[in-house]
Amino acid sequence: MSEPALPPTSKDSPLTGIVMMLTAMAILPVTDAAAKYMTVAIPALQLVWARYVFQMLTLLPVGVAKLGTGVFRSNNLRLQLARSLILTIGTVFFFAALQTMPLADALAVFFLSPILTTMFSPLVLGEHVGPWRWSAVVLGFAGALLVIRPGFQTFTPGLVFAIGSGFTYAGYALITRKLAGTDHPLVTLNMTGLVGAGAASLILPFVWVMPTAEQWGLMLLMGVVSAFGHMLIILAYERSSASGLAPFAYAEIVSAAALGYWLFGDFPSAVTWTGILTIVTSGIVIAWREGVRRRRG
């Protein structure tokens, strides 16, 4: 599950950026697949703790090497803490959803987050949303209904958690927009790891299950893949525009579907794929109109 993009910087190499984004989207579902595999035996909160601890241990040396003690300093600490805490809650929701939902289905519902971000941006950020983007919002919700199919499939708590993850990540994305340009991306990523690991650690003693050697290895894999994938996303956005990269972020659903089928025998139905494609189309339209809006200033 990828995080919303951080602001781009000045390096310009669109093709390299696209390759980096596609690589990130290919590997990030490994984190979610590992979490789904372990949710039978390990509580979701413990998996969130492991993901952020090992992500932090992977990224922190990089941040210190590049920024020194500056990696711990933020120009807007209050928003950084709020952003990181909301992201942690969203990750708990998503991992909880994976207990009862196929990987690709959960990710498709999660990808409502950019649609929800567009919906709430006039209220939170004072942004103008025109008819094109409102039409895309309606289209996205239609796609979500095809994936969820309320009343036509067995209700699971995972569905509620998946929807909750979409809403929390929308809040996270809105705060990320407010933070745009205020901190170095490595400060933001390391703050995410520190807050996520710290918050989960407070509740960890109440849910702790001793992992096996295999589970420790998978938790380490989750953190390393997450760190590497999000570093690739940062590097991609340094080389290409947000609107140019946005369509390629949806390749994560394809990777998730392939992993879900290979590891768990889950494969989206034709109706679910129709919903997924509808959500993807909606997201691409939103990204396109966002690019048009920014070029117009």
C-alpha atoms as a PDB file:
ATOM      1  CA  MET A   1       0.000   0.000   0.000  1.00  0.00           C
ATOM      2  CA  SER A   2       1.659   3.165  -1.186  1.00  0.00           C
ATOM      3  CA  GLU A   3       1.512   6.498   0.589  1.00  0.00           C
ATOM      4  CA  PRO A   4       0.323   9.725  -1.068  1.00  0.00           C
ATOM      5  CA  ALA A   5       3.061  11.437  -2.995  1.00  0.00           C
ATOM      6  CA  LEU A   6       5.416  13.989  -1.568  1.00  0.00           C
ATOM      7  CA  PRO A   7       6.069  17.204  -3.517  1.00  0.00           C
ATOM      8  CA  PRO A   8       8.354  16.985  -6.568  1.00  0.00           C
ATOM      9  CA  THR A   9      11.713  18.709  -6.785  1.00  0.00           C
ATOM     10  CA  SER A  10      13.668  20.003  -9.738  1.00  0.00           C
ATOM     11  CA  LYS A  11      15.352  16.974 -11.369  1.00  0.00           C
ATOM     12  CA  ASP A  12      13.701  16.306 -14.715  1.00  0.00           C
ATOM     13  CA  SER A  13      13.752  12.806 -16.197  1.00  0.00           C
ATOM     14  CA  PRO A  14      10.145  11.647 -16.725  1.00  0.00           C
ATOM     15  CA  LEU A  15      10.986   8.188 -18.112  1.00  0.00           C
ATOM     16  CA  THR A  16      13.275   7.417 -15.157  1.00  0.00           C
ATOM     17  CA  GLY A  17      10.551   8.612 -12.807  1.00  0.00           C
ATOM     18  CA  ILE A  18       7.983   6.314 -14.430  1.00  0.00           C
ATOM     19  CA  VAL A  19      10.326   3.299 -14.156  1.00  0.00           C
ATOM     20  CA  MET A  20      10.930   4.079 -10.468  1.00  0.00           C
ATOM     21  CA  MET A  21       7.218   4.438  -9.802  1.00  0.00           C
ATOM     22  CA  LEU A  22       6.379   1.161 -11.556  1.00  0.00           C
ATOM     23  CA  THR A  23       9.143  -0.605  -9.610  1.00  0.00           C
ATOM     24  CA  ALA A  24       7.742   0.752  -6.350  1.00  0.00           C
ATOM     25  CA  MET A  25       4.219  -0.345  -7.290  1.00  0.00           C
ATOM     26  CA  ALA A  26       5.512  -3.817  -8.165  1.00  0.00           C
ATOM     27  CA  ILE A  27       7.180  -4.379  -4.789  1.00  0.00           C
ATOM     28  CA  LEU A  28       4.979  -2.524  -2.277  1.00  0.00           C
ATOM     29  CA  PRO A  29       2.171  -5.137  -2.350  1.00  0.00           C
ATOM     30  CA  VAL A  30       4.743  -7.579  -0.924  1.00  0.00           C
ATOM     31  CA  THR A  31       4.329  -5.693   2.374  1.00  0.00           C
ATOM     32  CA  ASP A  32       0.555  -6.124   2.277  1.00  0.00           C
ATOM     33  CA  ALA A  33       0.782  -9.775   1.189  1.00  0.00           C
ATOM     34  CA  ALA A  34       3.140 -10.539   4.079  1.00  0.00           C
ATOM     35  CA  ALA A  35       0.737  -8.812   6.466  1.00  0.00           C
ATOM     36  CA  LYS A  36      -2.234 -10.773   5.093  1.00  0.00           C
ATOM     37  CA  TYR A  37      -0.307 -14.033   5.425  1.00  0.00           C
ATOM     38  CA  MET A  38       0.433 -13.314   9.101  1.00  0.00           C
ATOM     39  CA  THR A  39      -2.937 -11.860  10.183  1.00  0.00           C
ATOM     40  CA  VAL A  40      -4.138 -15.388  10.993  1.00  0.00           C
ATOM     41  CA  ALA A  41      -1.656 -15.595  13.872  1.00  0.00           C
ATOM     42  CA  ILE A  42      -0.387 -12.054  14.541  1.00  0.00           C
ATOM     43  CA  PRO A  43      -2.648  -9.102  15.550  1.00  0.00           C
ATOM     44  CA  ALA A  44      -2.924  -6.297  12.996  1.00  0.00           C
ATOM     45  CA  LEU A  45      -1.570  -3.754  15.491  1.00  0.00           C
ATOM     46  CA  GLN A  46       1.565  -5.830  16.042  1.00  0.00           C
ATOM     47  CA  LEU A  47       2.101  -6.013  12.282  1.00  0.00           C
ATOM     48  CA  VAL A  48       1.768  -2.222  12.060  1.00  0.00           C
ATOM     49  CA  TRP A  49       4.365  -1.897  14.825  1.00  0.00           C
ATOM     50  CA  ALA A  50       6.738  -4.210  12.952  1.00  0.00           C
ATOM     51  CA  ARG A  51       6.233  -2.417   9.645  1.00  0.00           C
ATOM     52  CA  TYR A  52       7.104   0.992  11.123  1.00  0.00           C
ATOM     53  CA  VAL A  53       9.932  -0.201  13.373  1.00  0.00           C
ATOM     54  CA  PHE A  54      11.756  -1.963  10.561  1.00  0.00           C
ATOM     55  CA  GLN A  55      10.975   0.823   8.093  1.00  0.00           C
ATOM     56  CA  MET A  56      12.433   3.327  10.563  1.00  0.00           C
ATOM     57  CA  LEU A  57      15.545   1.219  11.185  1.00  0.00           C
ATOM     58  CA  THR A  58      16.078   0.989   7.419  1.00  0.00           C
ATOM     59  CA  LEU A  59      15.528   4.687   6.622  1.00  0.00           C
ATOM     60  CA  LEU A  60      16.977   6.398   9.686  1.00  0.00           C
ATOM     61  CA  PRO A  61      20.647   5.755   8.779  1.00  0.00           C
ATOM     62  CA  VAL A  62      19.954   7.188   5.304  1.00  0.00           C
ATOM     63  CA  GLY A  63      18.331  10.278   6.804  1.00  0.00           C
ATOM     64  CA  VAL A  64      21.129  10.840   9.323  1.00  0.00           C
ATOM     65  CA  ALA A  65      23.803  10.371   6.641  1.00  0.00           C
ATOM     66  CA  LYS A  66      22.133  12.945   4.389  1.00  0.00           C
ATOM     67  CA  LEU A  67      20.741  15.473   6.879  1.00  0.00           C
ATOM     68  CA  GLY A  68      22.515  14.776  10.165  1.00  0.00           C
ATOM     69  CA  THR A  69      20.469  15.740  13.211  1.00  0.00           C
ATOM     70  CA  GLY A  70      18.267  17.807  10.874  1.00  0.00           C
ATOM     71  CA  VAL A  71      16.367  14.609  10.084  1.00  0.00           C
ATOM     72  CA  PHE A  72      14.694  15.005  13.505  1.00  0.00           C
ATOM     73  CA  ARG A  73      13.716  18.663  13.019  1.00  0.00           C
ATOM     74  CA  SER A  74      10.481  19.770  11.370  1.00  0.00           C
ATOM     75  CA  ASN A  75       9.275  23.231  10.411  1.00  0.00           C
ATOM     76  CA  ASN A  76       5.725  22.220  11.311  1.00  0.00           C
ATOM     77  CA  LEU A  77       5.937  19.572  14.010  1.00  0.00           C
ATOM     78  CA  ARG A  78       2.240  19.700  14.927  1.00  0.00           C
ATOM     79  CA  LEU A  79       1.084  18.848  11.407  1.00  0.00           C
ATOM     80  CA  GLN A  80       3.813  16.238  11.005  1.00  0.00           C
ATOM     81  CA  LEU A  81       2.668  14.475  14.172  1.00  0.00           C
ATOM     82  CA  ALA A  82      -0.991  14.626  13.102  1.00  0.00           C
ATOM     83  CA  ARG A  83      -0.127  13.354   9.621  1.00  0.00           C
ATOM     84  CA  SER A  84       1.935  10.441  10.957  1.00  0.00           C
ATOM     85  CA  LEU A  85      -0.678   9.445  13.541  1.00  0.00           C
ATOM     86  CA  ILE A  86      -3.481   9.442  10.942  1.00  0.00           C
ATOM     87  CA  LEU A  87      -1.303   7.339   8.633  1.00  0.00           C
ATOM     88  CA  THR A  88      -0.676   4.855  11.458  1.00  0.00           C
ATOM     89  CA  ILE A  89      -4.424   4.525  12.100  1.00  0.00           C
ATOM     90  CA  GLY A  90      -5.028   4.034   8.381  1.00  0.00           C
ATOM     91  CA  THR A  91      -2.416   1.273   8.263  1.00  0.00           C
ATOM     92  CA  VAL A  92      -4.091  -0.483  11.211  1.00  0.00           C
ATOM     93  CA  PHE A  93      -7.418  -0.315   9.346  1.00  0.00           C
ATOM     94  CA  PHE A  94      -5.892  -1.662   6.136  1.00  0.00           C
ATOM     95  CA  PHE A  95      -4.096  -4.569   7.806  1.00  0.00           C
ATOM     96  CA  ALA A  96      -7.307  -5.396   9.695  1.00  0.00           C
ATOM     97  CA  ALA A  97      -9.192  -5.385   6.364  1.00  0.00           C
ATOM     98  CA  LEU A  98      -6.749  -7.930   4.960  1.00  0.00           C
ATOM     99  CA  GLN A  99      -7.913 -10.473   7.546  1.00  0.00           C
ATOM    100  CA  THR A 100     -11.168 -11.049   5.646  1.00  0.00           C
ATOM    101  CA  MET A 101     -10.740  -9.425   2.213  1.00  0.00           C
ATOM    102  CA  PRO A 102      -8.728 -10.402  -0.869  1.00  0.00           C
ATOM    103  CA  LEU A 103      -5.644  -8.227  -1.289  1.00  0.00           C
ATOM    104  CA  ALA A 104      -6.692  -6.590  -4.578  1.00  0.00           C
ATOM    105  CA  ASP A 105     -10.239  -5.884  -3.324  1.00  0.00           C
ATOM    106  CA  ALA A 106      -8.962  -4.173  -0.160  1.00  0.00           C
ATOM    107  CA  LEU A 107      -6.513  -2.113  -2.205  1.00  0.00           C
ATOM    108  CA  ALA A 108      -9.237  -1.106  -4.663  1.00  0.00           C
ATOM    109  CA  VAL A 109     -11.396   0.230  -1.809  1.00  0.00           C
ATOM    110  CA  PHE A 110      -8.319   1.956  -0.362  1.00  0.00           C
ATOM    111  CA  PHE A 111      -7.819   3.746  -3.686  1.00  0.00           C
ATOM    112  CA  LEU A 112     -10.967   5.719  -2.904  1.00  0.00           C
ATOM    113  CA  SER A 113      -8.592   7.983  -0.940  1.00  0.00           C
ATOM    114  CA  PRO A 114      -7.694  10.346  -3.836  1.00  0.00           C
ATOM    115  CA  ILE A 115     -11.393  10.614  -4.685  1.00  0.00           C
ATOM    116  CA  LEU A 116     -12.228  11.462  -1.066  1.00  0.00           C
ATOM    117  CA  THR A 117      -9.324  13.922  -0.992  1.00  0.00           C
ATOM    118  CA  THR A 118     -10.867  15.737  -3.963  1.00  0.00           C
ATOM    119  CA  MET A 119     -14.273  15.765  -2.246  1.00  0.00           C
ATOM    120  CA  PHE A 120     -12.966  17.323   0.964  1.00  0.00           C
ATOM    121  CA  SER A 121     -10.330  19.651  -0.509  1.00  0.00           C
ATOM    122  CA  PRO A 122     -12.793  22.592  -0.920  1.00  0.00           C
ATOM    123  CA  LEU A 123     -13.721  22.353   2.762  1.00  0.00           C
ATOM    124  CA  VAL A 124     -10.236  21.710   4.193  1.00  0.00           C
ATOM    125  CA  LEU A 125      -7.927  23.480   1.725  1.00  0.00           C
ATOM    126  CA  GLY A 126     -10.296  25.980   0.111  1.00  0.00           C
ATOM    127  CA  GLU A 127      -9.576  24.518  -3.337  1.00  0.00           C
ATOM    128  CA  HIS A 128     -11.995  24.934  -6.232  1.00  0.00           C
ATOM    129  CA  VAL A 129     -13.283  21.642  -7.642  1.00  0.00           C
ATOM    130  CA  GLY A 130     -14.815  21.977 -11.090  1.00  0.00           C
ATOM    131  CA  PRO A 131     -17.321  19.781 -12.929  1.00  0.00           C
ATOM    132  CA  TRP A 132     -14.642  17.487 -14.376  1.00  0.00           C
ATOM    133  CA  ARG A 133     -13.298  16.529 -10.965  1.00  0.00           C
ATOM    134  CA  TRP A 134     -16.778  16.251  -9.407  1.00  0.00           C
ATOM    135  CA  SER A 135     -17.754  13.925 -12.277  1.00  0.00           C
ATOM    136  CA  ALA A 136     -14.658  11.846 -11.540  1.00  0.00           C
ATOM    137  CA  VAL A 137     -15.682  11.641  -7.869  1.00  0.00           C
ATOM    138  CA  VAL A 138     -19.115  10.285  -8.840  1.00  0.00           C
ATOM    139  CA  LEU A 139     -17.473   7.825 -11.242  1.00  0.00           C
ATOM    140  CA  GLY A 140     -15.087   6.664  -8.529  1.00  0.00           C
ATOM    141  CA  PHE A 141     -17.900   5.972  -6.092  1.00  0.00           C
ATOM    142  CA  ALA A 142     -19.745   4.029  -8.781  1.00  0.00           C
ATOM    143  CA  GLY A 143     -16.614   1.908  -9.195  1.00  0.00           C
ATOM    144  CA  ALA A 144     -16.379   1.410  -5.441  1.00  0.00           C
ATOM    145  CA  LEU A 145     -19.970   0.160  -5.351  1.00  0.00           C
ATOM    146  CA  LEU A 146     -19.072  -2.426  -7.989  1.00  0.00           C
ATOM    147  CA  VAL A 147     -16.176  -3.641  -5.826  1.00  0.00           C
ATOM    148  CA  ILE A 148     -18.153  -3.570  -2.567  1.00  0.00           C
ATOM    149  CA  ARG A 149     -21.532  -4.625  -4.068  1.00  0.00           C
ATOM    150  CA  PRO A 150     -23.564  -3.806  -0.939  1.00  0.00           C
ATOM    151  CA  GLY A 151     -26.353  -6.296  -0.405  1.00  0.00           C
ATOM    152  CA  PHE A 152     -24.983  -8.767  -2.971  1.00  0.00           C
ATOM    153  CA  GLN A 153     -22.141 -10.372  -1.031  1.00  0.00           C
ATOM    154  CA  THR A 154     -21.423 -11.483   2.516  1.00  0.00           C
ATOM    155  CA  PHE A 155     -20.745  -8.498   4.747  1.00  0.00           C
ATOM    156  CA  THR A 156     -17.387  -8.638   6.537  1.00  0.00           C
ATOM    157  CA  PRO A 157     -15.834  -6.315   9.113  1.00  0.00           C
ATOM    158  CA  GLY A 158     -12.896  -6.106   6.700  1.00  0.00           C
ATOM    159  CA  LEU A 159     -15.035  -4.072   4.337  1.00  0.00           C
ATOM    160  CA  VAL A 160     -15.643  -1.462   7.045  1.00  0.00           C
ATOM    161  CA  PHE A 161     -11.917  -1.373   7.826  1.00  0.00           C
ATOM    162  CA  ALA A 162     -11.052  -0.986   4.130  1.00  0.00           C
ATOM    163  CA  ILE A 163     -13.447   1.948   3.779  1.00  0.00           C
ATOM    164  CA  GLY A 164     -11.993   3.397   6.997  1.00  0.00           C
ATOM    165  CA  SER A 165      -8.501   3.142   5.538  1.00  0.00           C
ATOM    166  CA  GLY A 166      -9.637   5.107   2.473  1.00  0.00           C
ATOM    167  CA  PHE A 167     -11.062   7.891   4.651  1.00  0.00           C
ATOM    168  CA  THR A 168      -8.026   8.093   6.938  1.00  0.00           C
ATOM    169  CA  TYR A 169      -5.627   8.178   4.009  1.00  0.00           C
ATOM    170  CA  ALA A 170      -7.670  10.990   2.489  1.00  0.00           C
ATOM    171  CA  GLY A 171      -7.109  12.949   5.694  1.00  0.00           C
ATOM    172  CA  TYR A 172      -3.434  12.056   5.526  1.00  0.00           C
ATOM    173  CA  ALA A 173      -3.230  13.304   1.935  1.00  0.00           C
ATOM    174  CA  LEU A 174      -4.897  16.608   2.822  1.00  0.00           C
ATOM    175  CA  ILE A 175      -2.389  17.214   5.630  1.00  0.00           C
ATOM    176  CA  THR A 176       0.441  16.220   3.271  1.00  0.00           C
ATOM    177  CA  ARG A 177      -0.719  18.970   0.882  1.00  0.00           C
ATOM    178  CA  LYS A 178      -0.637  21.479   3.724  1.00  0.00           C
ATOM    179  CA  LEU A 179       2.925  20.362   4.531  1.00  0.00           C
ATOM    180  CA  ALA A 180       4.077  20.539   0.895  1.00  0.00           C
ATOM    181  CA  GLY A 181       7.503  22.117   0.626  1.00  0.00           C
ATOM    182  CA  THR A 182       7.971  22.707   4.369  1.00  0.00           C
ATOM    183  CA  ASP A 183      10.209  19.706   5.186  1.00  0.00           C
ATOM    184  CA  HIS A 184      12.681  17.471   3.362  1.00  0.00           C
ATOM    185  CA  PRO A 185      11.013  14.183   2.254  1.00  0.00           C
ATOM    186  CA  LEU A 186      13.421  12.188   4.445  1.00  0.00           C
ATOM    187  CA  VAL A 187      12.286  14.200   7.479  1.00  0.00           C
ATOM    188  CA  THR A 188       8.690  13.326   6.648  1.00  0.00           C
ATOM    189  CA  LEU A 189       9.395   9.623   6.090  1.00  0.00           C
ATOM    190  CA  ASN A 190      11.445   9.282   9.267  1.00  0.00           C
ATOM    191  CA  MET A 191       8.821  11.160  11.255  1.00  0.00           C
ATOM    192  CA  THR A 192       6.255   8.688   9.929  1.00  0.00           C
ATOM    193  CA  GLY A 193       8.348   5.751  11.140  1.00  0.00           C
ATOM    194  CA  LEU A 194       9.069   7.261  14.557  1.00  0.00           C
ATOM    195  CA  VAL A 195       5.453   8.194  15.281  1.00  0.00           C
ATOM    196  CA  GLY A 196       4.047   4.950  13.861  1.00  0.00           C
ATOM    197  CA  ALA A 197       6.451   2.787  15.855  1.00  0.00           C
ATOM    198  CA  GLY A 198       5.981   4.880  18.994  1.00  0.00           C
ATOM    199  CA  ALA A 199       2.176   4.909  18.876  1.00  0.00           C
ATOM    200  CA  ALA A 200       1.947   1.179  18.180  1.00  0.00           C
ATOM    201  CA  SER A 201       4.452   0.431  20.958  1.00  0.00           C
ATOM    202  CA  LEU A 202       2.118   1.966  23.563  1.00  0.00           C
ATOM    203  CA  ILE A 203      -0.534  -0.690  22.902  1.00  0.00           C
ATOM    204  CA  LEU A 204       1.798  -3.504  21.835  1.00  0.00           C
ATOM    205  CA  PRO A 205       2.088  -5.143  25.315  1.00  0.00           C
ATOM    206  CA  PHE A 206      -1.680  -5.745  25.322  1.00  0.00           C
ATOM    207  CA  VAL A 207      -1.740  -7.619  21.994  1.00  0.00           C
ATOM    208  CA  TRP A 208       1.757  -9.120  21.741  1.00  0.00           C
ATOM    209  CA  VAL A 209       2.086 -12.610  20.285  1.00  0.00           C
ATOM    210  CA  MET A 210       5.583 -14.089  20.138  1.00  0.00           C
ATOM    211  CA  PRO A 211       6.463 -14.432  16.426  1.00  0.00           C
ATOM    212  CA  THR A 212       8.167 -17.464  14.985  1.00  0.00           C
ATOM    213  CA  ALA A 213      11.481 -17.121  13.173  1.00  0.00           C
ATOM    214  CA  GLU A 214       9.598 -17.104   9.863  1.00  0.00           C
ATOM    215  CA  GLN A 215       7.275 -14.354  11.066  1.00  0.00           C
ATOM    216  CA  TRP A 216      10.205 -12.219  12.291  1.00  0.00           C
ATOM    217  CA  GLY A 217      11.730 -12.597   8.829  1.00  0.00           C
ATOM    218  CA  LEU A 218       8.476 -11.562   7.139  1.00  0.00           C
ATOM    219  CA  MET A 219       8.096  -8.549   9.451  1.00  0.00           C
ATOM    220  CA  LEU A 220      11.639  -7.484   8.597  1.00  0.00           C
ATOM    221  CA  LEU A 221      10.773  -7.909   4.903  1.00  0.00           C
ATOM    222  CA  MET A 222       7.698  -5.689   5.365  1.00  0.00           C
ATOM    223  CA  GLY A 223       9.770  -2.842   6.778  1.00  0.00           C
ATOM    224  CA  VAL A 224      12.606  -3.064   4.263  1.00  0.00           C
ATOM    225  CA  VAL A 225      10.295  -3.307   1.232  1.00  0.00           C
ATOM    226  CA  SER A 226       8.177  -0.427   2.547  1.00  0.00           C
ATOM    227  CA  ALA A 227      11.264   1.754   3.082  1.00  0.00           C
ATOM    228  CA  PHE A 228      12.737   0.928  -0.324  1.00  0.00           C
ATOM    229  CA  GLY A 229       9.409   1.361  -2.123  1.00  0.00           C
ATOM    230  CA  HIS A 230       8.697   4.762  -0.608  1.00  0.00           C
ATOM    231  CA  MET A 231      12.249   5.935  -1.326  1.00  0.00           C
ATOM    232  CA  LEU A 232      11.653   5.004  -4.969  1.00  0.00           C
ATOM    233  CA  ILE A 233       8.423   7.027  -4.929  1.00  0.00           C
ATOM    234  CA  ILE A 234      10.293  10.065  -3.586  1.00  0.00           C
ATOM    235  CA  LEU A 235      12.976   9.683  -6.260  1.00  0.00           C
ATOM    236  CA  ALA A 236      10.277   9.277  -8.924  1.00  0.00           C
ATOM    237  CA  TYR A 237       8.596  12.533  -7.890  1.00  0.00           C
ATOM    238  CA  GLU A 238      11.970  14.278  -8.044  1.00  0.00           C
ATOM    239  CA  ARG A 239      12.106  13.403 -11.741  1.00  0.00           C
ATOM    240  CA  SER A 240       8.519  13.663 -12.993  1.00  0.00           C
ATOM    241  CA  SER A 241       5.324  15.565 -12.277  1.00  0.00           C
ATOM    242  CA  ALA A 242       2.643  14.322  -9.897  1.00  0.00           C
ATOM    243  CA  SER A 243      -0.021  14.306 -12.611  1.00  0.00           C
ATOM    244  CA  GLY A 244       2.315  12.443 -14.975  1.00  0.00           C
ATOM    245  CA  LEU A 245       3.047   9.713 -12.429  1.00  0.00           C
ATOM    246  CA  ALA A 246      -0.421   9.329 -10.914  1.00  0.00           C
ATOM    247  CA  PRO A 247      -1.789   6.847 -13.511  1.00  0.00           C
ATOM    248  CA  PHE A 248       1.159   4.509 -12.888  1.00  0.00           C
ATOM    249  CA  ALA A 249       0.408   4.367  -9.150  1.00  0.00           C
ATOM    250  CA  TYR A 250      -2.619   2.222  -9.980  1.00  0.00           C
ATOM    251  CA  ALA A 251      -0.292  -0.519 -11.224  1.00  0.00           C
ATOM    252  CA  GLU A 252      -0.176  -1.495  -7.548  1.00  0.00           C
ATOM    253  CA  ILE A 253      -3.616  -3.096  -7.937  1.00  0.00           C
ATOM    254  CA  VAL A 254      -2.299  -5.361 -10.715  1.00  0.00           C
ATOM    255  CA  SER A 255       0.674  -6.406  -8.556  1.00  0.00           C
ATOM    256  CA  ALA A 256      -1.646  -7.010  -5.609  1.00  0.00           C
ATOM    257  CA  ALA A 257      -3.992  -9.134  -7.746  1.00  0.00           C
ATOM    258  CA  ALA A 258      -1.074 -11.244  -9.004  1.00  0.00           C
ATOM    259  CA  LEU A 259       0.287 -11.784  -5.484  1.00  0.00           C
ATOM    260  CA  GLY A 260      -3.187 -12.492  -4.109  1.00  0.00           C
ATOM    261  CA  TYR A 261      -3.773 -15.156  -6.745  1.00  0.00           C
ATOM    262  CA  TRP A 262      -0.311 -16.721  -6.357  1.00  0.00           C
ATOM    263  CA  LEU A 263      -0.253 -16.810  -2.549  1.00  0.00           C
ATOM    264  CA  PHE A 264      -3.911 -17.073  -1.527  1.00  0.00           C
ATOM    265  CA  GLY A 265      -5.818 -18.206  -4.606  1.00  0.00           C
ATOM    266  CA  ASP A 266      -7.799 -14.947  -4.650  1.00  0.00           C
ATOM    267  CA  PHE A 267      -8.547 -13.340  -7.997  1.00  0.00           C
ATOM    268  CA  PRO A 268     -10.998 -10.465  -8.565  1.00  0.00           C
ATOM    269  CA  SER A 269     -14.214 -11.344 -10.378  1.00  0.00           C
ATOM    270  CA  ALA A 270     -15.196  -9.675 -13.647  1.00  0.00           C
ATOM    271  CA  VAL A 271     -17.502  -7.298 -11.751  1.00  0.00           C
ATOM    272  CA  THR A 272     -14.718  -6.408  -9.305  1.00  0.00           C
ATOM    273  CA  TRP A 273     -12.286  -5.755 -12.173  1.00  0.00           C
ATOM    274  CA  THR A 274     -14.896  -3.467 -13.749  1.00  0.00           C
ATOM    275  CA  GLY A 275     -15.104  -1.557 -10.477  1.00  0.00           C
ATOM    276  CA  ILE A 276     -11.322  -1.400 -10.183  1.00  0.00           C
ATOM    277  CA  LEU A 277     -10.971  -0.027 -13.720  1.00  0.00           C
ATOM    278  CA  THR A 278     -13.703   2.535 -12.990  1.00  0.00           C
ATOM    279  CA  ILE A 279     -11.871   3.705  -9.849  1.00  0.00           C
ATOM    280  CA  VAL A 280      -8.587   3.874 -11.787  1.00  0.00           C
ATOM    281  CA  THR A 281     -10.221   5.919 -14.553  1.00  0.00           C
ATOM    282  CA  SER A 282     -11.644   8.281 -11.956  1.00  0.00           C
ATOM    283  CA  GLY A 283      -8.229   8.719 -10.335  1.00  0.00           C
ATOM    284  CA  ILE A 284      -6.547   9.404 -13.674  1.00  0.00           C
ATOM    285  CA  VAL A 285      -9.161  12.060 -14.537  1.00  0.00           C
ATOM    286  CA  ILE A 286      -8.590  13.722 -11.158  1.00  0.00           C
ATOM    287  CA  ALA A 287      -4.808  13.661 -11.680  1.00  0.00           C
ATOM    288  CA  TRP A 288      -5.216  15.106 -15.194  1.00  0.00           C
ATOM    289  CA  ARG A 289      -7.422  17.955 -13.999  1.00  0.00           C
ATOM    290  CA  GLU A 290      -5.033  18.597 -11.098  1.00  0.00           C
ATOM    291  CA  GLY A 291      -2.220  18.985 -13.639  1.00  0.00           C
ATOM    292  CA  VAL A 292      -4.330  21.359 -15.752  1.00  0.00           C
ATOM    293  CA  ARG A 293      -5.191  23.428 -12.661  1.00  0.00           C
ATOM    294  CA  ARG A 294      -1.540  23.757 -11.614  1.00  0.00           C
ATOM    295  CA  ARG A 295      -0.374  24.725 -15.116  1.00  0.00           C
ATOM    296  CA  ARG A 296      -2.968  27.492 -15.155  1.00  0.00           C
ATOM    297  CA  GLY A 297      -1.592  28.688 -11.812  1.00  0.00           C
END
